[in-house]
Amino acid sequence: MIGEFLKALSAVLLLSLLVACAAAPVQEMSDARQAVEAAADAGAGEFAAGLLGSARSLLESAESKLQQHLFTGARRDAEAAREDALEALRITLEAKGEETR
């Protein structure tokens, strides 16, 4: 009886892990979009155009992968887009002499 319970518990835990990994990266996509928008609004196109372009390209790639249900790749690209956008924002604010938060 305990053996059957442990097998069932193991199956449930494994299934939960698989579902968590396969979930759409909704929060990561939102974070990336907001970071790209913030960097663009701050003027990163002038002060960090390469990073902003990279962030936008990665975000487009993430959106494409999301549409194809390639959630792991979409998550990875969205996180990379966010990082590039935040770095572009940091450089822009520094160049403008504004304090980063």
PDB file of N, CA and C in Angstrom:
ATOM      1  N   MET A   1       0.818  -1.195   0.000  1.00  0.00           N
ATOM      2  CA  MET A   1       0.000   0.000   0.000  1.00  0.00           C
ATOM      3  C   MET A   1       0.867   1.267   0.000  1.00  0.00           C
ATOM      4  N   ILE A   2       1.890   1.310   0.844  1.00  0.00           N
ATOM      5  CA  ILE A   2       2.776   2.473   0.883  1.00  0.00           C
ATOM      6  C   ILE A   2       3.523   2.601  -0.437  1.00  0.00           C
ATOM      7  N   GLY A   3       3.912   1.480  -1.015  1.00  0.00           N
ATOM      8  CA  GLY A   3       4.610   1.495  -2.299  1.00  0.00           C
ATOM      9  C   GLY A   3       3.753   2.098  -3.392  1.00  0.00           C
ATOM     10  N   GLU A   4       2.477   1.741  -3.408  1.00  0.00           N
ATOM     11  CA  GLU A   4       1.565   2.299  -4.409  1.00  0.00           C
ATOM     12  C   GLU A   4       1.370   3.794  -4.199  1.00  0.00           C
ATOM     13  N   PHE A   5       1.285   4.190  -2.933  1.00  0.00           N
ATOM     14  CA  PHE A   5       1.135   5.613  -2.618  1.00  0.00           C
ATOM     15  C   PHE A   5       2.355   6.394  -3.090  1.00  0.00           C
ATOM     16  N   LEU A   6       3.536   5.869  -2.849  1.00  0.00           N
ATOM     17  CA  LEU A   6       4.757   6.561  -3.268  1.00  0.00           C
ATOM     18  C   LEU A   6       4.861   6.641  -4.789  1.00  0.00           C
ATOM     19  N   LYS A   7       4.444   5.587  -5.476  1.00  0.00           N
ATOM     20  CA  LYS A   7       4.446   5.625  -6.939  1.00  0.00           C
ATOM     21  C   LYS A   7       3.479   6.700  -7.442  1.00  0.00           C
ATOM     22  N   ALA A   8       2.303   6.753  -6.849  1.00  0.00           N
ATOM     23  CA  ALA A   8       1.312   7.750  -7.257  1.00  0.00           C
ATOM     24  C   ALA A   8       1.808   9.164  -6.950  1.00  0.00           C
ATOM     25  N   LEU A   9       2.414   9.348  -5.783  1.00  0.00           N
ATOM     26  CA  LEU A   9       2.944  10.651  -5.409  1.00  0.00           C
ATOM     27  C   LEU A   9       4.066  11.067  -6.357  1.00  0.00           C
ATOM     28  N   SER A  10       4.918  10.143  -6.693  1.00  0.00           N
ATOM     29  CA  SER A  10       6.007  10.424  -7.629  1.00  0.00           C
ATOM     30  C   SER A  10       5.458  10.833  -8.996  1.00  0.00           C
ATOM     31  N   ALA A  11       4.432  10.134  -9.450  1.00  0.00           N
ATOM     32  CA  ALA A  11       3.825  10.456 -10.741  1.00  0.00           C
ATOM     33  C   ALA A  11       3.203  11.852 -10.715  1.00  0.00           C
ATOM     34  N   VAL A  12       2.540  12.193  -9.630  1.00  0.00           N
ATOM     35  CA  VAL A  12       1.917  13.510  -9.508  1.00  0.00           C
ATOM     36  C   VAL A  12       2.990  14.596  -9.483  1.00  0.00           C
ATOM     37  N   LEU A  13       4.059  14.381  -8.747  1.00  0.00           N
ATOM     38  CA  LEU A  13       5.135  15.364  -8.677  1.00  0.00           C
ATOM     39  C   LEU A  13       5.813  15.549 -10.032  1.00  0.00           C
ATOM     40  N   LEU A  14       6.038  14.461 -10.726  1.00  0.00           N
ATOM     41  CA  LEU A  14       6.650  14.535 -12.055  1.00  0.00           C
ATOM     42  C   LEU A  14       5.731  15.275 -13.023  1.00  0.00           C
ATOM     43  N   LEU A  15       4.468  14.966 -12.992  1.00  0.00           N
ATOM     44  CA  LEU A  15       3.507  15.644 -13.857  1.00  0.00           C
ATOM     45  C   LEU A  15       3.451  17.136 -13.541  1.00  0.00           C
ATOM     46  N   SER A  16       3.473  17.485 -12.268  1.00  0.00           N
ATOM     47  CA  SER A  16       3.456  18.897 -11.871  1.00  0.00           C
ATOM     48  C   SER A  16       4.685  19.623 -12.391  1.00  0.00           C
ATOM     49  N   LEU A  17       5.829  18.963 -12.302  1.00  0.00           N
ATOM     50  CA  LEU A  17       7.059  19.560 -12.799  1.00  0.00           C
ATOM     51  C   LEU A  17       6.989  19.780 -14.303  1.00  0.00           C
ATOM     52  N   LEU A  18       6.484  18.804 -15.025  1.00  0.00           N
ATOM     53  CA  LEU A  18       6.372  18.928 -16.478  1.00  0.00           C
ATOM     54  C   LEU A  18       5.408  20.033 -16.873  1.00  0.00           C
ATOM     55  N   VAL A  19       4.314  20.153 -16.183  1.00  0.00           N
ATOM     56  CA  VAL A  19       3.331  21.199 -16.474  1.00  0.00           C
ATOM     57  C   VAL A  19       3.927  22.568 -16.195  1.00  0.00           C
ATOM     58  N   ALA A  20       4.664  22.702 -15.097  1.00  0.00           N
ATOM     59  CA  ALA A  20       5.282  23.982 -14.755  1.00  0.00           C
ATOM     60  C   ALA A  20       6.294  24.393 -15.813  1.00  0.00           C
ATOM     61  N   CYS A  21       7.057  23.450 -16.306  1.00  0.00           N
ATOM     62  CA  CYS A  21       8.058  23.749 -17.337  1.00  0.00           C
ATOM     63  C   CYS A  21       7.414  24.082 -18.671  1.00  0.00           C
ATOM     64  N   ALA A  22       6.258  23.539 -18.932  1.00  0.00           N
ATOM     65  CA  ALA A  22       5.615  23.713 -20.225  1.00  0.00           C
ATOM     66  C   ALA A  22       4.659  24.907 -20.260  1.00  0.00           C
ATOM     67  N   ALA A  23       4.521  25.605 -19.160  1.00  0.00           N
ATOM     68  CA  ALA A  23       3.591  26.727 -19.111  1.00  0.00           C
ATOM     69  C   ALA A  23       4.115  27.888 -19.943  1.00  0.00           C
ATOM     70  N   ALA A  24       3.196  28.602 -20.545  1.00  0.00           N
ATOM     71  CA  ALA A  24       3.566  29.773 -21.345  1.00  0.00           C
ATOM     72  C   ALA A  24       4.219  30.821 -20.446  1.00  0.00           C
ATOM     73  N   PRO A  25       5.281  31.457 -20.932  1.00  0.00           N
ATOM     74  CA  PRO A  25       6.017  32.438 -20.122  1.00  0.00           C
ATOM     75  C   PRO A  25       5.343  33.820 -20.129  1.00  0.00           C
ATOM     76  N   VAL A  26       4.150  33.871 -19.600  1.00  0.00           N
ATOM     77  CA  VAL A  26       3.351  35.100 -19.644  1.00  0.00           C
ATOM     78  C   VAL A  26       4.050  36.243 -18.908  1.00  0.00           C
ATOM     79  N   GLN A  27       4.513  35.985 -17.699  1.00  0.00           N
ATOM     80  CA  GLN A  27       5.159  37.046 -16.920  1.00  0.00           C
ATOM     81  C   GLN A  27       6.456  37.505 -17.562  1.00  0.00           C
ATOM     82  N   GLU A  28       7.239  36.563 -18.065  1.00  0.00           N
ATOM     83  CA  GLU A  28       8.512  36.915 -18.712  1.00  0.00           C
ATOM     84  C   GLU A  28       8.277  37.779 -19.947  1.00  0.00           C
ATOM     85  N   MET A  29       7.240  37.446 -20.709  1.00  0.00           N
ATOM     86  CA  MET A  29       6.922  38.237 -21.898  1.00  0.00           C
ATOM     87  C   MET A  29       6.504  39.658 -21.500  1.00  0.00           C
ATOM     88  N   SER A  30       5.677  39.753 -20.478  1.00  0.00           N
ATOM     89  CA  SER A  30       5.234  41.063 -20.007  1.00  0.00           C
ATOM     90  C   SER A  30       6.412  41.890 -19.502  1.00  0.00           C
ATOM     91  N   ASP A  31       7.283  41.261 -18.727  1.00  0.00           N
ATOM     92  CA  ASP A  31       8.455  41.964 -18.203  1.00  0.00           C
ATOM     93  C   ASP A  31       9.339  42.477 -19.339  1.00  0.00           C
ATOM     94  N   ALA A  32       9.533  41.643 -20.359  1.00  0.00           N
ATOM     95  CA  ALA A  32      10.373  42.036 -21.490  1.00  0.00           C
ATOM     96  C   ALA A  32       9.752  43.199 -22.251  1.00  0.00           C
ATOM     97  N   ARG A  33       8.451  43.126 -22.502  1.00  0.00           N
ATOM     98  CA  ARG A  33       7.770  44.208 -23.232  1.00  0.00           C
ATOM     99  C   ARG A  33       7.888  45.530 -22.475  1.00  0.00           C
ATOM    100  N   GLN A  34       7.671  45.472 -21.170  1.00  0.00           N
ATOM    101  CA  GLN A  34       7.739  46.686 -20.355  1.00  0.00           C
ATOM    102  C   GLN A  34       9.153  47.256 -20.325  1.00  0.00           C
ATOM    103  N   ALA A  35      10.160  46.387 -20.241  1.00  0.00           N
ATOM    104  CA  ALA A  35      11.547  46.856 -20.213  1.00  0.00           C
ATOM    105  C   ALA A  35      11.933  47.496 -21.545  1.00  0.00           C
ATOM    106  N   VAL A  36      11.530  46.884 -22.649  1.00  0.00           N
ATOM    107  CA  VAL A  36      11.830  47.445 -23.973  1.00  0.00           C
ATOM    108  C   VAL A  36      11.140  48.803 -24.122  1.00  0.00           C
ATOM    109  N   GLU A  37       9.904  48.884 -23.713  1.00  0.00           N
ATOM    110  CA  GLU A  37       9.170  50.146 -23.807  1.00  0.00           C
ATOM    111  C   GLU A  37       9.809  51.229 -22.941  1.00  0.00           C
ATOM    112  N   ALA A  38      10.219  50.871 -21.729  1.00  0.00           N
ATOM    113  CA  ALA A  38      10.851  51.839 -20.832  1.00  0.00           C
ATOM    114  C   ALA A  38      12.166  52.341 -21.413  1.00  0.00           C
ATOM    115  N   ALA A  39      12.958  51.436 -21.970  1.00  0.00           N
ATOM    116  CA  ALA A  39      14.237  51.837 -22.567  1.00  0.00           C
ATOM    117  C   ALA A  39      14.007  52.758 -23.759  1.00  0.00           C
ATOM    118  N   ALA A  40      13.059  52.398 -24.609  1.00  0.00           N
ATOM    119  CA  ALA A  40      12.760  53.231 -25.783  1.00  0.00           C
ATOM    120  C   ALA A  40      12.258  54.605 -25.354  1.00  0.00           C
ATOM    121  N   ASP A  41      11.367  54.642 -24.377  1.00  0.00           N
ATOM    122  CA  ASP A  41      10.809  55.904 -23.898  1.00  0.00           C
ATOM    123  C   ASP A  41      11.888  56.801 -23.280  1.00  0.00           C
ATOM    124  N   ALA A  42      12.908  56.179 -22.690  1.00  0.00           N
ATOM    125  CA  ALA A  42      13.980  56.950 -22.055  1.00  0.00           C
ATOM    126  C   ALA A  42      14.971  57.508 -23.068  1.00  0.00           C
ATOM    127  N   GLY A  43      14.920  57.001 -24.306  1.00  0.00           N
ATOM    128  CA  GLY A  43      15.825  57.497 -25.332  1.00  0.00           C
ATOM    129  C   GLY A  43      16.968  56.559 -25.656  1.00  0.00           C
ATOM    130  N   ALA A  44      16.801  55.285 -25.367  1.00  0.00           N
ATOM    131  CA  ALA A  44      17.866  54.314 -25.625  1.00  0.00           C
ATOM    132  C   ALA A  44      18.205  54.201 -27.104  1.00  0.00           C
ATOM    133  N   GLY A  45      17.292  54.589 -27.969  1.00  0.00           N
ATOM    134  CA  GLY A  45      17.584  54.582 -29.399  1.00  0.00           C
ATOM    135  C   GLY A  45      18.739  55.498 -29.751  1.00  0.00           C
ATOM    136  N   GLU A  46      18.949  56.509 -28.941  1.00  0.00           N
ATOM    137  CA  GLU A  46      20.046  57.456 -29.157  1.00  0.00           C
ATOM    138  C   GLU A  46      21.320  57.036 -28.435  1.00  0.00           C
ATOM    139  N   PHE A  47      21.175  56.532 -27.224  1.00  0.00           N
ATOM    140  CA  PHE A  47      22.340  56.262 -26.390  1.00  0.00           C
ATOM    141  C   PHE A  47      22.772  54.798 -26.338  1.00  0.00           C
ATOM    142  N   ALA A  48      21.897  53.892 -26.671  1.00  0.00           N
ATOM    143  CA  ALA A  48      22.210  52.451 -26.611  1.00  0.00           C
ATOM    144  C   ALA A  48      21.429  51.723 -27.695  1.00  0.00           C
ATOM    145  N   ALA A  49      21.569  52.211 -28.919  1.00  0.00           N
ATOM    146  CA  ALA A  49      20.772  51.686 -30.028  1.00  0.00           C
ATOM    147  C   ALA A  49      21.007  50.197 -30.270  1.00  0.00           C
ATOM    148  N   GLY A  50      22.247  49.752 -30.137  1.00  0.00           N
ATOM    149  CA  GLY A  50      22.549  48.341 -30.371  1.00  0.00           C
ATOM    150  C   GLY A  50      21.846  47.433 -29.381  1.00  0.00           C
ATOM    151  N   LEU A  51      21.904  47.799 -28.116  1.00  0.00           N
ATOM    152  CA  LEU A  51      21.234  46.990 -27.094  1.00  0.00           C
ATOM    153  C   LEU A  51      19.723  47.035 -27.244  1.00  0.00           C
ATOM    154  N   LEU A  52      19.194  48.204 -27.550  1.00  0.00           N
ATOM    155  CA  LEU A  52      17.746  48.312 -27.743  1.00  0.00           C
ATOM    156  C   LEU A  52      17.314  47.478 -28.940  1.00  0.00           C
ATOM    157  N   GLY A  53      18.085  47.528 -30.004  1.00  0.00           N
ATOM    158  CA  GLY A  53      17.775  46.711 -31.182  1.00  0.00           C
ATOM    159  C   GLY A  53      17.837  45.228 -30.863  1.00  0.00           C
ATOM    160  N   SER A  54      18.835  44.839 -30.086  1.00  0.00           N
ATOM    161  CA  SER A  54      18.955  43.439 -29.674  1.00  0.00           C
ATOM    162  C   SER A  54      17.752  43.021 -28.836  1.00  0.00           C
ATOM    163  N   ALA A  55      17.354  43.889 -27.909  1.00  0.00           N
ATOM    164  CA  ALA A  55      16.201  43.590 -27.056  1.00  0.00           C
ATOM    165  C   ALA A  55      14.937  43.424 -27.892  1.00  0.00           C
ATOM    166  N   ARG A  56      14.751  44.312 -28.848  1.00  0.00           N
ATOM    167  CA  ARG A  56      13.566  44.218 -29.711  1.00  0.00           C
ATOM    168  C   ARG A  56      13.587  42.946 -30.548  1.00  0.00           C
ATOM    169  N   SER A  57      14.750  42.604 -31.072  1.00  0.00           N
ATOM    170  CA  SER A  57      14.886  41.387 -31.875  1.00  0.00           C
ATOM    171  C   SER A  57      14.609  40.144 -31.040  1.00  0.00           C
ATOM    172  N   LEU A  58      15.150  40.119 -29.838  1.00  0.00           N
ATOM    173  CA  LEU A  58      14.909  38.983 -28.948  1.00  0.00           C
ATOM    174  C   LEU A  58      13.433  38.887 -28.558  1.00  0.00           C
ATOM    175  N   LEU A  59      12.803  40.028 -28.343  1.00  0.00           N
ATOM    176  CA  LEU A  59      11.379  40.027 -28.004  1.00  0.00           C
ATOM    177  C   LEU A  59      10.552  39.501 -29.177  1.00  0.00           C
ATOM    178  N   GLU A  60      10.892  39.905 -30.392  1.00  0.00           N
ATOM    179  CA  GLU A  60      10.191  39.379 -31.564  1.00  0.00           C
ATOM    180  C   GLU A  60      10.377  37.872 -31.679  1.00  0.00           C
ATOM    181  N   SER A  61      11.595  37.410 -31.402  1.00  0.00           N
ATOM    182  CA  SER A  61      11.872  35.974 -31.435  1.00  0.00           C
ATOM    183  C   SER A  61      11.050  35.249 -30.367  1.00  0.00           C
ATOM    184  N   ALA A  62      10.978  35.839 -29.188  1.00  0.00           N
ATOM    185  CA  ALA A  62      10.194  35.236 -28.105  1.00  0.00           C
ATOM    186  C   ALA A  62       8.720  35.162 -28.488  1.00  0.00           C
ATOM    187  N   GLU A  63       8.205  36.223 -29.102  1.00  0.00           N
ATOM    188  CA  GLU A  63       6.802  36.226 -29.509  1.00  0.00           C
ATOM    189  C   GLU A  63       6.541  35.164 -30.574  1.00  0.00           C
ATOM    190  N   SER A  64       7.469  35.009 -31.498  1.00  0.00           N
ATOM    191  CA  SER A  64       7.332  33.982 -32.532  1.00  0.00           C
ATOM    192  C   SER A  64       7.342  32.584 -31.913  1.00  0.00           C
ATOM    193  N   LYS A  65       8.264  32.361 -31.004  1.00  0.00           N
ATOM    194  CA  LYS A  65       8.340  31.053 -30.342  1.00  0.00           C
ATOM    195  C   LYS A  65       7.101  30.794 -29.497  1.00  0.00           C
ATOM    196  N   LEU A  66       6.585  31.835 -28.868  1.00  0.00           N
ATOM    197  CA  LEU A  66       5.371  31.689 -28.068  1.00  0.00           C
ATOM    198  C   LEU A  66       4.218  31.233 -28.950  1.00  0.00           C
ATOM    199  N   GLN A  67       4.089  31.814 -30.137  1.00  0.00           N
ATOM    200  CA  GLN A  67       3.031  31.428 -31.065  1.00  0.00           C
ATOM    201  C   GLN A  67       3.167  29.968 -31.514  1.00  0.00           C
ATOM    202  N   GLN A  68       4.402  29.482 -31.536  1.00  0.00           N
ATOM    203  CA  GLN A  68       4.664  28.098 -31.944  1.00  0.00           C
ATOM    204  C   GLN A  68       4.641  27.137 -30.750  1.00  0.00           C
ATOM    205  N   HIS A  69       4.297  27.656 -29.576  1.00  0.00           N
ATOM    206  CA  HIS A  69       4.253  26.872 -28.338  1.00  0.00           C
ATOM    207  C   HIS A  69       5.625  26.320 -27.958  1.00  0.00           C
ATOM    208  N   LEU A  70       6.667  27.033 -28.324  1.00  0.00           N
ATOM    209  CA  LEU A  70       8.032  26.686 -27.932  1.00  0.00           C
ATOM    210  C   LEU A  70       8.359  27.511 -26.683  1.00  0.00           C
ATOM    211  N   PHE A  71       7.744  27.119 -25.579  1.00  0.00           N
ATOM    212  CA  PHE A  71       7.754  27.950 -24.384  1.00  0.00           C
ATOM    213  C   PHE A  71       9.127  28.110 -23.740  1.00  0.00           C
ATOM    214  N   THR A  72       9.946  27.087 -23.767  1.00  0.00           N
ATOM    215  CA  THR A  72      11.271  27.199 -23.172  1.00  0.00           C
ATOM    216  C   THR A  72      12.101  28.225 -23.937  1.00  0.00           C
ATOM    217  N   GLY A  73      12.084  28.144 -25.248  1.00  0.00           N
ATOM    218  CA  GLY A  73      12.810  29.114 -26.064  1.00  0.00           C
ATOM    219  C   GLY A  73      12.244  30.518 -25.933  1.00  0.00           C
ATOM    220  N   ALA A  74      10.931  30.611 -25.865  1.00  0.00           N
ATOM    221  CA  ALA A  74      10.286  31.915 -25.694  1.00  0.00           C
ATOM    222  C   ALA A  74      10.689  32.538 -24.367  1.00  0.00           C
ATOM    223  N   ARG A  75      10.701  31.738 -23.324  1.00  0.00           N
ATOM    224  CA  ARG A  75      11.094  32.225 -21.999  1.00  0.00           C
ATOM    225  C   ARG A  75      12.541  32.713 -22.025  1.00  0.00           C
ATOM    226  N   ARG A  76      13.412  31.924 -22.619  1.00  0.00           N
ATOM    227  CA  ARG A  76      14.835  32.276 -22.680  1.00  0.00           C
ATOM    228  C   ARG A  76      15.029  33.590 -23.448  1.00  0.00           C
ATOM    229  N   ASP A  77      14.368  33.732 -24.600  1.00  0.00           N
ATOM    230  CA  ASP A  77      14.497  34.955 -25.390  1.00  0.00           C
ATOM    231  C   ASP A  77      13.882  36.156 -24.686  1.00  0.00           C
ATOM    232  N   ALA A  78      12.768  35.966 -24.020  1.00  0.00           N
ATOM    233  CA  ALA A  78      12.131  37.064 -23.291  1.00  0.00           C
ATOM    234  C   ALA A  78      13.026  37.551 -22.154  1.00  0.00           C
ATOM    235  N   GLU A  79      13.630  36.614 -21.445  1.00  0.00           N
ATOM    236  CA  GLU A  79      14.529  37.005 -20.353  1.00  0.00           C
ATOM    237  C   GLU A  79      15.752  37.746 -20.893  1.00  0.00           C
ATOM    238  N   ALA A  80      16.288  37.287 -22.015  1.00  0.00           N
ATOM    239  CA  ALA A  80      17.439  37.955 -22.628  1.00  0.00           C
ATOM    240  C   ALA A  80      17.037  39.346 -23.131  1.00  0.00           C
ATOM    241  N   ALA A  81      15.841  39.468 -23.692  1.00  0.00           N
ATOM    242  CA  ALA A  81      15.347  40.769 -24.160  1.00  0.00           C
ATOM    243  C   ALA A  81      15.234  41.736 -22.994  1.00  0.00           C
ATOM    244  N   ARG A  82      14.707  41.255 -21.900  1.00  0.00           N
ATOM    245  CA  ARG A  82      14.570  42.091 -20.705  1.00  0.00           C
ATOM    246  C   ARG A  82      15.930  42.573 -20.223  1.00  0.00           C
ATOM    247  N   GLU A  83      16.900  41.664 -20.172  1.00  0.00           N
ATOM    248  CA  GLU A  83      18.234  42.037 -19.707  1.00  0.00           C
ATOM    249  C   GLU A  83      18.863  43.088 -20.628  1.00  0.00           C
ATOM    250  N   ASP A  84      18.764  42.885 -21.936  1.00  0.00           N
ATOM    251  CA  ASP A  84      19.322  43.862 -22.886  1.00  0.00           C
ATOM    252  C   ASP A  84      18.618  45.212 -22.749  1.00  0.00           C
ATOM    253  N   ALA A  85      17.313  45.181 -22.600  1.00  0.00           N
ATOM    254  CA  ALA A  85      16.559  46.433 -22.471  1.00  0.00           C
ATOM    255  C   ALA A  85      16.926  47.169 -21.185  1.00  0.00           C
ATOM    256  N   LEU A  86      17.074  46.433 -20.097  1.00  0.00           N
ATOM    257  CA  LEU A  86      17.438  47.082 -18.838  1.00  0.00           C
ATOM    258  C   LEU A  86      18.850  47.660 -18.901  1.00  0.00           C
ATOM    259  N   GLU A  87      19.750  46.968 -19.572  1.00  0.00           N
ATOM    260  CA  GLU A  87      21.108  47.495 -19.743  1.00  0.00           C
ATOM    261  C   GLU A  87      21.075  48.744 -20.634  1.00  0.00           C
ATOM    262  N   ALA A  88      20.277  48.721 -21.676  1.00  0.00           N
ATOM    263  CA  ALA A  88      20.120  49.896 -22.537  1.00  0.00           C
ATOM    264  C   ALA A  88      19.560  51.069 -21.740  1.00  0.00           C
ATOM    265  N   LEU A  89      18.603  50.791 -20.885  1.00  0.00           N
ATOM    266  CA  LEU A  89      18.021  51.837 -20.035  1.00  0.00           C
ATOM    267  C   LEU A  89      19.071  52.393 -19.080  1.00  0.00           C
ATOM    268  N   ARG A  90      19.856  51.513 -18.484  1.00  0.00           N
ATOM    269  CA  ARG A  90      20.896  51.957 -17.543  1.00  0.00           C
ATOM    270  C   ARG A  90      21.898  52.868 -18.246  1.00  0.00           C
ATOM    271  N   ILE A  91      22.354  52.443 -19.413  1.00  0.00           N
ATOM    272  CA  ILE A  91      23.319  53.238 -20.178  1.00  0.00           C
ATOM    273  C   ILE A  91      22.716  54.586 -20.560  1.00  0.00           C
ATOM    274  N   THR A  92      21.473  54.586 -20.967  1.00  0.00           N
ATOM    275  CA  THR A  92      20.797  55.812 -21.376  1.00  0.00           C
ATOM    276  C   THR A  92      20.670  56.790 -20.215  1.00  0.00           C
ATOM    277  N   LEU A  93      20.227  56.288 -19.084  1.00  0.00           N
ATOM    278  CA  LEU A  93      20.072  57.161 -17.921  1.00  0.00           C
ATOM    279  C   LEU A  93      21.417  57.701 -17.456  1.00  0.00           C
ATOM    280  N   GLU A  94      22.432  56.846 -17.518  1.00  0.00           N
ATOM    281  CA  GLU A  94      23.781  57.283 -17.141  1.00  0.00           C
ATOM    282  C   GLU A  94      24.270  58.375 -18.093  1.00  0.00           C
ATOM    283  N   ALA A  95      24.054  58.163 -19.381  1.00  0.00           N
ATOM    284  CA  ALA A  95      24.481  59.149 -20.379  1.00  0.00           C
ATOM    285  C   ALA A  95      23.752  60.479 -20.206  1.00  0.00           C
ATOM    286  N   LYS A  96      22.522  60.408 -19.767  1.00  0.00           N
ATOM    287  CA  LYS A  96      21.734  61.624 -19.555  1.00  0.00           C
ATOM    288  C   LYS A  96      22.009  62.238 -18.187  1.00  0.00           C
ATOM    289  N   GLY A  97      22.803  61.544 -17.391  1.00  0.00           N
ATOM    290  CA  GLY A  97      23.122  62.055 -16.061  1.00  0.00           C
ATOM    291  C   GLY A  97      22.021  61.849 -15.049  1.00  0.00           C
ATOM    292  N   GLU A  98      21.124  60.906 -15.332  1.00  0.00           N
ATOM    293  CA  GLU A  98      20.036  60.618 -14.405  1.00  0.00           C
ATOM    294  C   GLU A  98      20.416  59.440 -13.528  1.00  0.00           C
ATOM    295  N   GLU A  99      19.909  59.447 -12.343  1.00  0.00           N
ATOM    296  CA  GLU A  99      20.190  58.370 -11.394  1.00  0.00           C
ATOM    297  C   GLU A  99      19.338  57.147 -11.722  1.00  0.00           C
ATOM    298  N   THR A 100      19.994  55.981 -11.746  1.00  0.00           N
ATOM    299  CA  THR A 100      19.239  54.737 -11.939  1.00  0.00           C
ATOM    300  C   THR A 100      18.707  54.282 -10.598  1.00  0.00           C
ATOM    301  N   ARG A 101      17.590  53.569 -10.641  1.00  0.00           N
ATOM    302  CA  ARG A 101      16.974  53.116  -9.387  1.00  0.00           C
ATOM    303  C   ARG A 101      17.267  51.681  -9.140  1.00  0.00           C
TER     304      ARG A 101
END
